[in-house]
Amino acid sequence: LSNADIIFGGAEYMLTSFALKHPGMID
């Protein structure tokens, strides 16, 4: 939350879930 440059997922739904859980974090 403080220093991430890149986030990856182990499946498409995982990154989507992450984006929904942390709105605005992923471009």
mmCIF file of all heavy atoms, coordinates in Angstrom:
data_MODEL
# 
_entry.id   MODEL 
# 
loop_
_atom_site.group_PDB 
_atom_site.id 
_atom_site.type_symbol 
_atom_site.label_atom_id 
_atom_site.label_alt_id 
_atom_site.label_comp_id 
_atom_site.label_asym_id 
_atom_site.label_entity_id 
_atom_site.label_seq_id 
_atom_site.pdbx_PDB_ins_code 
_atom_site.Cartn_x 
_atom_site.Cartn_y 
_atom_site.Cartn_z 
_atom_site.occupancy 
_atom_site.B_iso_or_equiv 
_atom_site.pdbx_formal_charge 
_atom_site.auth_seq_id 
_atom_site.auth_comp_id 
_atom_site.auth_asym_id 
_atom_site.auth_atom_id 
_atom_site.pdbx_PDB_model_num 
ATOM 1   N N   . LEU A 1 1  ? 0.819   -1.213  0.000   1.00 0.00 ? 1  LEU A N   1 
ATOM 2   C CA  . LEU A 1 1  ? 0.000   0.000   0.000   1.00 0.00 ? 1  LEU A CA  1 
ATOM 3   C C   . LEU A 1 1  ? 0.853   1.262   0.000   1.00 0.00 ? 1  LEU A C   1 
ATOM 4   O O   . LEU A 1 1  ? 0.398   2.324   -0.434  1.00 0.00 ? 1  LEU A O   1 
ATOM 5   C CB  . LEU A 1 1  ? -0.939  0.003   1.205   1.00 0.00 ? 1  LEU A CB  1 
ATOM 6   C CG  . LEU A 1 1  ? -2.114  -0.985  1.138   1.00 0.00 ? 1  LEU A CG  1 
ATOM 7   C CD1 . LEU A 1 1  ? -2.845  -1.030  2.469   1.00 0.00 ? 1  LEU A CD1 1 
ATOM 8   C CD2 . LEU A 1 1  ? -3.078  -0.613  0.009   1.00 0.00 ? 1  LEU A CD2 1 
ATOM 9   N N   . SER A 1 2  ? 2.098   1.126   0.460   1.00 0.00 ? 2  SER A N   1 
ATOM 10  C CA  . SER A 1 2  ? 2.957   2.307   0.527   1.00 0.00 ? 2  SER A CA  1 
ATOM 11  C C   . SER A 1 2  ? 3.996   2.396   -0.587  1.00 0.00 ? 2  SER A C   1 
ATOM 12  O O   . SER A 1 2  ? 4.393   3.490   -0.975  1.00 0.00 ? 2  SER A O   1 
ATOM 13  C CB  . SER A 1 2  ? 3.672   2.355   1.885   1.00 0.00 ? 2  SER A CB  1 
ATOM 14  O OG  . SER A 1 2  ? 4.537   1.243   2.036   1.00 0.00 ? 2  SER A OG  1 
ATOM 15  N N   . ASN A 1 3  ? 4.430   1.220   -1.130  1.00 0.00 ? 3  ASN A N   1 
ATOM 16  C CA  . ASN A 1 3  ? 5.527   1.313   -2.099  1.00 0.00 ? 3  ASN A CA  1 
ATOM 17  C C   . ASN A 1 3  ? 5.380   0.460   -3.364  1.00 0.00 ? 3  ASN A C   1 
ATOM 18  O O   . ASN A 1 3  ? 6.302   0.416   -4.180  1.00 0.00 ? 3  ASN A O   1 
ATOM 19  C CB  . ASN A 1 3  ? 6.857   0.957   -1.421  1.00 0.00 ? 3  ASN A CB  1 
ATOM 20  C CG  . ASN A 1 3  ? 6.921   -0.502  -0.955  1.00 0.00 ? 3  ASN A CG  1 
ATOM 21  O OD1 . ASN A 1 3  ? 6.087   -1.334  -1.331  1.00 0.00 ? 3  ASN A OD1 1 
ATOM 22  N ND2 . ASN A 1 3  ? 7.919   -0.820  -0.131  1.00 0.00 ? 3  ASN A ND2 1 
ATOM 23  N N   . ALA A 1 4  ? 4.268   -0.200  -3.568  1.00 0.00 ? 4  ALA A N   1 
ATOM 24  C CA  . ALA A 1 4  ? 4.135   -1.099  -4.720  1.00 0.00 ? 4  ALA A CA  1 
ATOM 25  C C   . ALA A 1 4  ? 4.213   -0.359  -6.051  1.00 0.00 ? 4  ALA A C   1 
ATOM 26  O O   . ALA A 1 4  ? 3.530   0.648   -6.252  1.00 0.00 ? 4  ALA A O   1 
ATOM 27  C CB  . ALA A 1 4  ? 2.835   -1.875  -4.640  1.00 0.00 ? 4  ALA A CB  1 
ATOM 28  N N   . ASP A 1 5  ? 5.049   -0.866  -6.933  1.00 0.00 ? 5  ASP A N   1 
ATOM 29  C CA  . ASP A 1 5  ? 5.095   -0.368  -8.312  1.00 0.00 ? 5  ASP A CA  1 
ATOM 30  C C   . ASP A 1 5  ? 4.257   -1.242  -9.232  1.00 0.00 ? 5  ASP A C   1 
ATOM 31  O O   . ASP A 1 5  ? 3.654   -0.758  -10.194 1.00 0.00 ? 5  ASP A O   1 
ATOM 32  C CB  . ASP A 1 5  ? 6.543   -0.361  -8.822  1.00 0.00 ? 5  ASP A CB  1 
ATOM 33  C CG  . ASP A 1 5  ? 7.406   0.632   -8.091  1.00 0.00 ? 5  ASP A CG  1 
ATOM 34  O OD1 . ASP A 1 5  ? 7.152   1.848   -8.219  1.00 0.00 ? 5  ASP A OD1 1 
ATOM 35  O OD2 . ASP A 1 5  ? 8.339   0.203   -7.368  1.00 0.00 ? 5  ASP A OD2 1 
ATOM 36  N N   . ILE A 1 6  ? 4.248   -2.550  -8.933  1.00 0.00 ? 6  ILE A N   1 
ATOM 37  C CA  . ILE A 1 6  ? 3.587   -3.524  -9.800  1.00 0.00 ? 6  ILE A CA  1 
ATOM 38  C C   . ILE A 1 6  ? 2.853   -4.544  -8.927  1.00 0.00 ? 6  ILE A C   1 
ATOM 39  O O   . ILE A 1 6  ? 3.363   -4.975  -7.892  1.00 0.00 ? 6  ILE A O   1 
ATOM 40  C CB  . ILE A 1 6  ? 4.609   -4.253  -10.693 1.00 0.00 ? 6  ILE A CB  1 
ATOM 41  C CG1 . ILE A 1 6  ? 5.260   -3.271  -11.682 1.00 0.00 ? 6  ILE A CG1 1 
ATOM 42  C CG2 . ILE A 1 6  ? 3.963   -5.405  -11.451 1.00 0.00 ? 6  ILE A CG2 1 
ATOM 43  C CD1 . ILE A 1 6  ? 6.400   -3.884  -12.487 1.00 0.00 ? 6  ILE A CD1 1 
ATOM 44  N N   . ILE A 1 7  ? 1.667   -4.947  -9.372  1.00 0.00 ? 7  ILE A N   1 
ATOM 45  C CA  . ILE A 1 7  ? 0.907   -6.019  -8.731  1.00 0.00 ? 7  ILE A CA  1 
ATOM 46  C C   . ILE A 1 7  ? 0.608   -7.072  -9.796  1.00 0.00 ? 7  ILE A C   1 
ATOM 47  O O   . ILE A 1 7  ? 0.221   -6.735  -10.914 1.00 0.00 ? 7  ILE A O   1 
ATOM 48  C CB  . ILE A 1 7  ? -0.432  -5.510  -8.136  1.00 0.00 ? 7  ILE A CB  1 
ATOM 49  C CG1 . ILE A 1 7  ? -0.195  -4.403  -7.110  1.00 0.00 ? 7  ILE A CG1 1 
ATOM 50  C CG2 . ILE A 1 7  ? -1.219  -6.661  -7.532  1.00 0.00 ? 7  ILE A CG2 1 
ATOM 51  C CD1 . ILE A 1 7  ? 0.446   -4.867  -5.821  1.00 0.00 ? 7  ILE A CD1 1 
ATOM 52  N N   . PHE A 1 8  ? 0.786   -8.344  -9.448  1.00 0.00 ? 8  PHE A N   1 
ATOM 53  C CA  . PHE A 1 8  ? 0.435   -9.414  -10.390 1.00 0.00 ? 8  PHE A CA  1 
ATOM 54  C C   . PHE A 1 8  ? -0.540  -10.376 -9.722  1.00 0.00 ? 8  PHE A C   1 
ATOM 55  O O   . PHE A 1 8  ? -0.701  -10.389 -8.500  1.00 0.00 ? 8  PHE A O   1 
ATOM 56  C CB  . PHE A 1 8  ? 1.688   -10.155 -10.884 1.00 0.00 ? 8  PHE A CB  1 
ATOM 57  C CG  . PHE A 1 8  ? 2.485   -10.851 -9.810  1.00 0.00 ? 8  PHE A CG  1 
ATOM 58  C CD1 . PHE A 1 8  ? 2.185   -12.159 -9.429  1.00 0.00 ? 8  PHE A CD1 1 
ATOM 59  C CD2 . PHE A 1 8  ? 3.558   -10.221 -9.196  1.00 0.00 ? 8  PHE A CD2 1 
ATOM 60  C CE1 . PHE A 1 8  ? 2.920   -12.803 -8.444  1.00 0.00 ? 8  PHE A CE1 1 
ATOM 61  C CE2 . PHE A 1 8  ? 4.312   -10.857 -8.215  1.00 0.00 ? 8  PHE A CE2 1 
ATOM 62  C CZ  . PHE A 1 8  ? 3.985   -12.158 -7.830  1.00 0.00 ? 8  PHE A CZ  1 
ATOM 63  N N   . GLY A 1 9  ? -1.202  -11.175 -10.544 1.00 0.00 ? 9  GLY A N   1 
ATOM 64  C CA  . GLY A 1 9  ? -2.166  -12.154 -10.038 1.00 0.00 ? 9  GLY A CA  1 
ATOM 65  C C   . GLY A 1 9  ? -1.842  -13.543 -10.533 1.00 0.00 ? 9  GLY A C   1 
ATOM 66  O O   . GLY A 1 9  ? -1.116  -13.721 -11.515 1.00 0.00 ? 9  GLY A O   1 
ATOM 67  N N   . GLY A 1 10 ? -2.392  -14.550 -9.851  1.00 0.00 ? 10 GLY A N   1 
ATOM 68  C CA  . GLY A 1 10 ? -2.216  -15.933 -10.270 1.00 0.00 ? 10 GLY A CA  1 
ATOM 69  C C   . GLY A 1 10 ? -3.309  -16.393 -11.205 1.00 0.00 ? 10 GLY A C   1 
ATOM 70  O O   . GLY A 1 10 ? -3.284  -17.517 -11.711 1.00 0.00 ? 10 GLY A O   1 
ATOM 71  N N   . ALA A 1 11 ? -4.281  -15.536 -11.439 1.00 0.00 ? 11 ALA A N   1 
ATOM 72  C CA  . ALA A 1 11 ? -5.382  -15.766 -12.381 1.00 0.00 ? 11 ALA A CA  1 
ATOM 73  C C   . ALA A 1 11 ? -6.039  -14.410 -12.603 1.00 0.00 ? 11 ALA A C   1 
ATOM 74  O O   . ALA A 1 11 ? -5.898  -13.502 -11.779 1.00 0.00 ? 11 ALA A O   1 
ATOM 75  C CB  . ALA A 1 11 ? -6.389  -16.769 -11.816 1.00 0.00 ? 11 ALA A CB  1 
ATOM 76  N N   . GLU A 1 12 ? -6.762  -14.266 -13.694 1.00 0.00 ? 12 GLU A N   1 
ATOM 77  C CA  . GLU A 1 12 ? -7.377  -12.977 -13.994 1.00 0.00 ? 12 GLU A CA  1 
ATOM 78  C C   . GLU A 1 12 ? -8.327  -12.542 -12.878 1.00 0.00 ? 12 GLU A C   1 
ATOM 79  O O   . GLU A 1 12 ? -8.358  -11.373 -12.497 1.00 0.00 ? 12 GLU A O   1 
ATOM 80  C CB  . GLU A 1 12 ? -8.119  -13.041 -15.334 1.00 0.00 ? 12 GLU A CB  1 
ATOM 81  C CG  . GLU A 1 12 ? -7.202  -13.075 -16.554 1.00 0.00 ? 12 GLU A CG  1 
ATOM 82  C CD  . GLU A 1 12 ? -6.480  -11.747 -16.784 1.00 0.00 ? 12 GLU A CD  1 
ATOM 83  O OE1 . GLU A 1 12 ? -6.938  -10.713 -16.253 1.00 0.00 ? 12 GLU A OE1 1 
ATOM 84  O OE2 . GLU A 1 12 ? -5.463  -11.747 -17.483 1.00 0.00 ? 12 GLU A OE2 1 
ATOM 85  N N   . TYR A 1 13 ? -9.097  -13.485 -12.346 1.00 0.00 ? 13 TYR A N   1 
ATOM 86  C CA  . TYR A 1 13 ? -10.055 -13.094 -11.321 1.00 0.00 ? 13 TYR A CA  1 
ATOM 87  C C   . TYR A 1 13 ? -9.358  -12.596 -10.061 1.00 0.00 ? 13 TYR A C   1 
ATOM 88  O O   . TYR A 1 13 ? -9.913  -11.781 -9.315  1.00 0.00 ? 13 TYR A O   1 
ATOM 89  C CB  . TYR A 1 13 ? -11.008 -14.254 -10.985 1.00 0.00 ? 13 TYR A CB  1 
ATOM 90  C CG  . TYR A 1 13 ? -10.453 -15.290 -10.035 1.00 0.00 ? 13 TYR A CG  1 
ATOM 91  C CD1 . TYR A 1 13 ? -10.481 -15.075 -8.653  1.00 0.00 ? 13 TYR A CD1 1 
ATOM 92  C CD2 . TYR A 1 13 ? -9.929  -16.488 -10.506 1.00 0.00 ? 13 TYR A CD2 1 
ATOM 93  C CE1 . TYR A 1 13 ? -9.988  -16.029 -7.770  1.00 0.00 ? 13 TYR A CE1 1 
ATOM 94  C CE2 . TYR A 1 13 ? -9.438  -17.430 -9.636  1.00 0.00 ? 13 TYR A CE2 1 
ATOM 95  C CZ  . TYR A 1 13 ? -9.476  -17.208 -8.262  1.00 0.00 ? 13 TYR A CZ  1 
ATOM 96  O OH  . TYR A 1 13 ? -8.983  -18.148 -7.400  1.00 0.00 ? 13 TYR A OH  1 
ATOM 97  N N   . MET A 1 14 ? -8.126  -13.049 -9.812  1.00 0.00 ? 14 MET A N   1 
ATOM 98  C CA  . MET A 1 14 ? -7.405  -12.626 -8.618  1.00 0.00 ? 14 MET A CA  1 
ATOM 99  C C   . MET A 1 14 ? -7.030  -11.156 -8.683  1.00 0.00 ? 14 MET A C   1 
ATOM 100 O O   . MET A 1 14 ? -7.185  -10.419 -7.710  1.00 0.00 ? 14 MET A O   1 
ATOM 101 C CB  . MET A 1 14 ? -6.149  -13.486 -8.419  1.00 0.00 ? 14 MET A CB  1 
ATOM 102 C CG  . MET A 1 14 ? -6.420  -14.914 -8.051  1.00 0.00 ? 14 MET A CG  1 
ATOM 103 S SD  . MET A 1 14 ? -4.898  -15.826 -7.681  1.00 0.00 ? 14 MET A SD  1 
ATOM 104 C CE  . MET A 1 14 ? -4.477  -15.127 -6.080  1.00 0.00 ? 14 MET A CE  1 
ATOM 105 N N   . LEU A 1 15 ? -6.550  -10.701 -9.837  1.00 0.00 ? 15 LEU A N   1 
ATOM 106 C CA  . LEU A 1 15 ? -6.190  -9.289  -9.962  1.00 0.00 ? 15 LEU A CA  1 
ATOM 107 C C   . LEU A 1 15 ? -7.433  -8.411  -9.967  1.00 0.00 ? 15 LEU A C   1 
ATOM 108 O O   . LEU A 1 15 ? -7.431  -7.303  -9.426  1.00 0.00 ? 15 LEU A O   1 
ATOM 109 C CB  . LEU A 1 15 ? -5.358  -9.056  -11.220 1.00 0.00 ? 15 LEU A CB  1 
ATOM 110 C CG  . LEU A 1 15 ? -4.693  -7.680  -11.317 1.00 0.00 ? 15 LEU A CG  1 
ATOM 111 C CD1 . LEU A 1 15 ? -3.760  -7.436  -10.127 1.00 0.00 ? 15 LEU A CD1 1 
ATOM 112 C CD2 . LEU A 1 15 ? -3.916  -7.533  -12.622 1.00 0.00 ? 15 LEU A CD2 1 
ATOM 113 N N   . THR A 1 16 ? -8.508  -8.918  -10.556 1.00 0.00 ? 16 THR A N   1 
ATOM 114 C CA  . THR A 1 16 ? -9.770  -8.173  -10.531 1.00 0.00 ? 16 THR A CA  1 
ATOM 115 C C   . THR A 1 16 ? -10.270 -8.027  -9.096  1.00 0.00 ? 16 THR A C   1 
ATOM 116 O O   . THR A 1 16 ? -10.696 -6.942  -8.683  1.00 0.00 ? 16 THR A O   1 
ATOM 117 C CB  . THR A 1 16 ? -10.828 -8.886  -11.388 1.00 0.00 ? 16 THR A CB  1 
ATOM 118 O OG1 . THR A 1 16 ? -10.386 -8.923  -12.754 1.00 0.00 ? 16 THR A OG1 1 
ATOM 119 C CG2 . THR A 1 16 ? -12.167 -8.164  -11.310 1.00 0.00 ? 16 THR A CG2 1 
ATOM 120 N N   . SER A 1 17 ? -10.209 -9.107  -8.333  1.00 0.00 ? 17 SER A N   1 
ATOM 121 C CA  . SER A 1 17 ? -10.637 -9.057  -6.935  1.00 0.00 ? 17 SER A CA  1 
ATOM 122 C C   . SER A 1 17 ? -9.775  -8.088  -6.138  1.00 0.00 ? 17 SER A C   1 
ATOM 123 O O   . SER A 1 17 ? -10.274 -7.339  -5.289  1.00 0.00 ? 17 SER A O   1 
ATOM 124 C CB  . SER A 1 17 ? -10.564 -10.455 -6.306  1.00 0.00 ? 17 SER A CB  1 
ATOM 125 O OG  . SER A 1 17 ? -11.476 -11.335 -6.924  1.00 0.00 ? 17 SER A OG  1 
ATOM 126 N N   . PHE A 1 18 ? -8.460  -8.090  -6.418  1.00 0.00 ? 18 PHE A N   1 
ATOM 127 C CA  . PHE A 1 18 ? -7.561  -7.175  -5.729  1.00 0.00 ? 18 PHE A CA  1 
ATOM 128 C C   . PHE A 1 18 ? -7.936  -5.732  -6.035  1.00 0.00 ? 18 PHE A C   1 
ATOM 129 O O   . PHE A 1 18 ? -7.970  -4.876  -5.141  1.00 0.00 ? 18 PHE A O   1 
ATOM 130 C CB  . PHE A 1 18 ? -6.120  -7.447  -6.155  1.00 0.00 ? 18 PHE A CB  1 
ATOM 131 C CG  . PHE A 1 18 ? -5.108  -6.584  -5.456  1.00 0.00 ? 18 PHE A CG  1 
ATOM 132 C CD1 . PHE A 1 18 ? -4.527  -6.984  -4.263  1.00 0.00 ? 18 PHE A CD1 1 
ATOM 133 C CD2 . PHE A 1 18 ? -4.740  -5.347  -5.990  1.00 0.00 ? 18 PHE A CD2 1 
ATOM 134 C CE1 . PHE A 1 18 ? -3.606  -6.176  -3.610  1.00 0.00 ? 18 PHE A CE1 1 
ATOM 135 C CE2 . PHE A 1 18 ? -3.816  -4.535  -5.341  1.00 0.00 ? 18 PHE A CE2 1 
ATOM 136 C CZ  . PHE A 1 18 ? -3.248  -4.958  -4.147  1.00 0.00 ? 18 PHE A CZ  1 
ATOM 137 N N   . ALA A 1 19 ? -8.217  -5.456  -7.305  1.00 0.00 ? 19 ALA A N   1 
ATOM 138 C CA  . ALA A 1 19 ? -8.569  -4.087  -7.710  1.00 0.00 ? 19 ALA A CA  1 
ATOM 139 C C   . ALA A 1 19 ? -9.873  -3.633  -7.056  1.00 0.00 ? 19 ALA A C   1 
ATOM 140 O O   . ALA A 1 19 ? -10.015 -2.466  -6.671  1.00 0.00 ? 19 ALA A O   1 
ATOM 141 C CB  . ALA A 1 19 ? -8.682  -4.014  -9.230  1.00 0.00 ? 19 ALA A CB  1 
ATOM 142 N N   . LEU A 1 20 ? -10.817 -4.547  -6.913  1.00 0.00 ? 20 LEU A N   1 
ATOM 143 C CA  . LEU A 1 20 ? -12.085 -4.203  -6.264  1.00 0.00 ? 20 LEU A CA  1 
ATOM 144 C C   . LEU A 1 20 ? -11.895 -3.973  -4.770  1.00 0.00 ? 20 LEU A C   1 
ATOM 145 O O   . LEU A 1 20 ? -12.558 -3.111  -4.178  1.00 0.00 ? 20 LEU A O   1 
ATOM 146 C CB  . LEU A 1 20 ? -13.103 -5.324  -6.496  1.00 0.00 ? 20 LEU A CB  1 
ATOM 147 C CG  . LEU A 1 20 ? -13.607 -5.503  -7.929  1.00 0.00 ? 20 LEU A CG  1 
ATOM 148 C CD1 . LEU A 1 20 ? -14.443 -6.771  -8.044  1.00 0.00 ? 20 LEU A CD1 1 
ATOM 149 C CD2 . LEU A 1 20 ? -14.409 -4.283  -8.374  1.00 0.00 ? 20 LEU A CD2 1 
ATOM 150 N N   . LYS A 1 21 ? -10.999 -4.728  -4.182  1.00 0.00 ? 21 LYS A N   1 
ATOM 151 C CA  . LYS A 1 21 ? -10.743 -4.622  -2.743  1.00 0.00 ? 21 LYS A CA  1 
ATOM 152 C C   . LYS A 1 21 ? -9.958  -3.357  -2.409  1.00 0.00 ? 21 LYS A C   1 
ATOM 153 O O   . LYS A 1 21 ? -10.102 -2.793  -1.320  1.00 0.00 ? 21 LYS A O   1 
ATOM 154 C CB  . LYS A 1 21 ? -9.983  -5.862  -2.269  1.00 0.00 ? 21 LYS A CB  1 
ATOM 155 C CG  . LYS A 1 21 ? -9.799  -5.967  -0.780  1.00 0.00 ? 21 LYS A CG  1 
ATOM 156 C CD  . LYS A 1 21 ? -9.112  -7.272  -0.420  1.00 0.00 ? 21 LYS A CD  1 
ATOM 157 C CE  . LYS A 1 21 ? -8.903  -7.414  1.073   1.00 0.00 ? 21 LYS A CE  1 
ATOM 158 N NZ  . LYS A 1 21 ? -8.205  -8.699  1.402   1.00 0.00 ? 21 LYS A NZ  1 
ATOM 159 N N   . HIS A 1 22 ? -9.115  -2.924  -3.366  1.00 0.00 ? 22 HIS A N   1 
ATOM 160 C CA  . HIS A 1 22 ? -8.272  -1.742  -3.144  1.00 0.00 ? 22 HIS A CA  1 
ATOM 161 C C   . HIS A 1 22 ? -8.499  -0.748  -4.285  1.00 0.00 ? 22 HIS A C   1 
ATOM 162 O O   . HIS A 1 22 ? -7.633  -0.556  -5.152  1.00 0.00 ? 22 HIS A O   1 
ATOM 163 C CB  . HIS A 1 22 ? -6.801  -2.155  -3.074  1.00 0.00 ? 22 HIS A CB  1 
ATOM 164 C CG  . HIS A 1 22 ? -6.514  -3.207  -2.049  1.00 0.00 ? 22 HIS A CG  1 
ATOM 165 N ND1 . HIS A 1 22 ? -6.471  -2.948  -0.702  1.00 0.00 ? 22 HIS A ND1 1 
ATOM 166 C CD2 . HIS A 1 22 ? -6.283  -4.543  -2.188  1.00 0.00 ? 22 HIS A CD2 1 
ATOM 167 C CE1 . HIS A 1 22 ? -6.206  -4.060  -0.044  1.00 0.00 ? 22 HIS A CE1 1 
ATOM 168 N NE2 . HIS A 1 22 ? -6.093  -5.040  -0.908  1.00 0.00 ? 22 HIS A NE2 1 
ATOM 169 N N   . PRO A 1 23 ? -9.646  -0.126  -4.326  1.00 0.00 ? 23 PRO A N   1 
ATOM 170 C CA  . PRO A 1 23 ? -9.988  0.771   -5.441  1.00 0.00 ? 23 PRO A CA  1 
ATOM 171 C C   . PRO A 1 23 ? -8.989  1.908   -5.598  1.00 0.00 ? 23 PRO A C   1 
ATOM 172 O O   . PRO A 1 23 ? -8.539  2.504   -4.625  1.00 0.00 ? 23 PRO A O   1 
ATOM 173 C CB  . PRO A 1 23 ? -11.379 1.300   -5.052  1.00 0.00 ? 23 PRO A CB  1 
ATOM 174 C CG  . PRO A 1 23 ? -11.488 1.070   -3.579  1.00 0.00 ? 23 PRO A CG  1 
ATOM 175 C CD  . PRO A 1 23 ? -10.705 -0.165  -3.297  1.00 0.00 ? 23 PRO A CD  1 
ATOM 176 N N   . GLY A 1 24 ? -8.638  2.160   -6.860  1.00 0.00 ? 24 GLY A N   1 
ATOM 177 C CA  . GLY A 1 24 ? -7.725  3.245   -7.174  1.00 0.00 ? 24 GLY A CA  1 
ATOM 178 C C   . GLY A 1 24 ? -6.258  2.887   -7.081  1.00 0.00 ? 24 GLY A C   1 
ATOM 179 O O   . GLY A 1 24 ? -5.408  3.690   -7.466  1.00 0.00 ? 24 GLY A O   1 
ATOM 180 N N   . MET A 1 25 ? -5.954  1.683   -6.612  1.00 0.00 ? 25 MET A N   1 
ATOM 181 C CA  . MET A 1 25 ? -4.543  1.339   -6.453  1.00 0.00 ? 25 MET A CA  1 
ATOM 182 C C   . MET A 1 25 ? -3.889  0.944   -7.777  1.00 0.00 ? 25 MET A C   1 
ATOM 183 O O   . MET A 1 25 ? -2.743  1.288   -8.051  1.00 0.00 ? 25 MET A O   1 
ATOM 184 C CB  . MET A 1 25 ? -4.384  0.203   -5.448  1.00 0.00 ? 25 MET A CB  1 
ATOM 185 C CG  . MET A 1 25 ? -2.930  -0.125  -5.125  1.00 0.00 ? 25 MET A CG  1 
ATOM 186 S SD  . MET A 1 25 ? -2.797  -1.274  -3.744  1.00 0.00 ? 25 MET A SD  1 
ATOM 187 C CE  . MET A 1 25 ? -1.004  -1.487  -3.678  1.00 0.00 ? 25 MET A CE  1 
ATOM 188 N N   . ILE A 1 26 ? -4.627  0.233   -8.608  1.00 0.00 ? 26 ILE A N   1 
ATOM 189 C CA  . ILE A 1 26 ? -4.078  -0.251  -9.875  1.00 0.00 ? 26 ILE A CA  1 
ATOM 190 C C   . ILE A 1 26 ? -4.494  0.667   -11.021 1.00 0.00 ? 26 ILE A C   1 
ATOM 191 O O   . ILE A 1 26 ? -5.651  1.094   -11.106 1.00 0.00 ? 26 ILE A O   1 
ATOM 192 C CB  . ILE A 1 26 ? -4.564  -1.696  -10.158 1.00 0.00 ? 26 ILE A CB  1 
ATOM 193 C CG1 . ILE A 1 26 ? -3.886  -2.675  -9.202  1.00 0.00 ? 26 ILE A CG1 1 
ATOM 194 C CG2 . ILE A 1 26 ? -4.307  -2.096  -11.600 1.00 0.00 ? 26 ILE A CG2 1 
ATOM 195 C CD1 . ILE A 1 26 ? -4.363  -4.099  -9.359  1.00 0.00 ? 26 ILE A CD1 1 
ATOM 196 N N   . ASP A 1 27 ? -3.546  0.945   -11.898 1.00 0.00 ? 27 ASP A N   1 
ATOM 197 C CA  . ASP A 1 27 ? -3.834  1.694   -13.115 1.00 0.00 ? 27 ASP A CA  1 
ATOM 198 C C   . ASP A 1 27 ? -4.345  0.688   -14.147 1.00 0.00 ? 27 ASP A C   1 
ATOM 199 O O   . ASP A 1 27 ? -3.566  -0.039  -14.764 1.00 0.00 ? 27 ASP A O   1 
ATOM 200 C CB  . ASP A 1 27 ? -2.563  2.380   -13.617 1.00 0.00 ? 27 ASP A CB  1 
ATOM 201 C CG  . ASP A 1 27 ? -2.790  3.187   -14.893 1.00 0.00 ? 27 ASP A CG  1 
ATOM 202 O OD1 . ASP A 1 27 ? -3.894  3.107   -15.470 1.00 0.00 ? 27 ASP A OD1 1 
ATOM 203 O OD2 . ASP A 1 27 ? -1.846  3.876   -15.321 1.00 0.00 ? 27 ASP A OD2 1 
# 
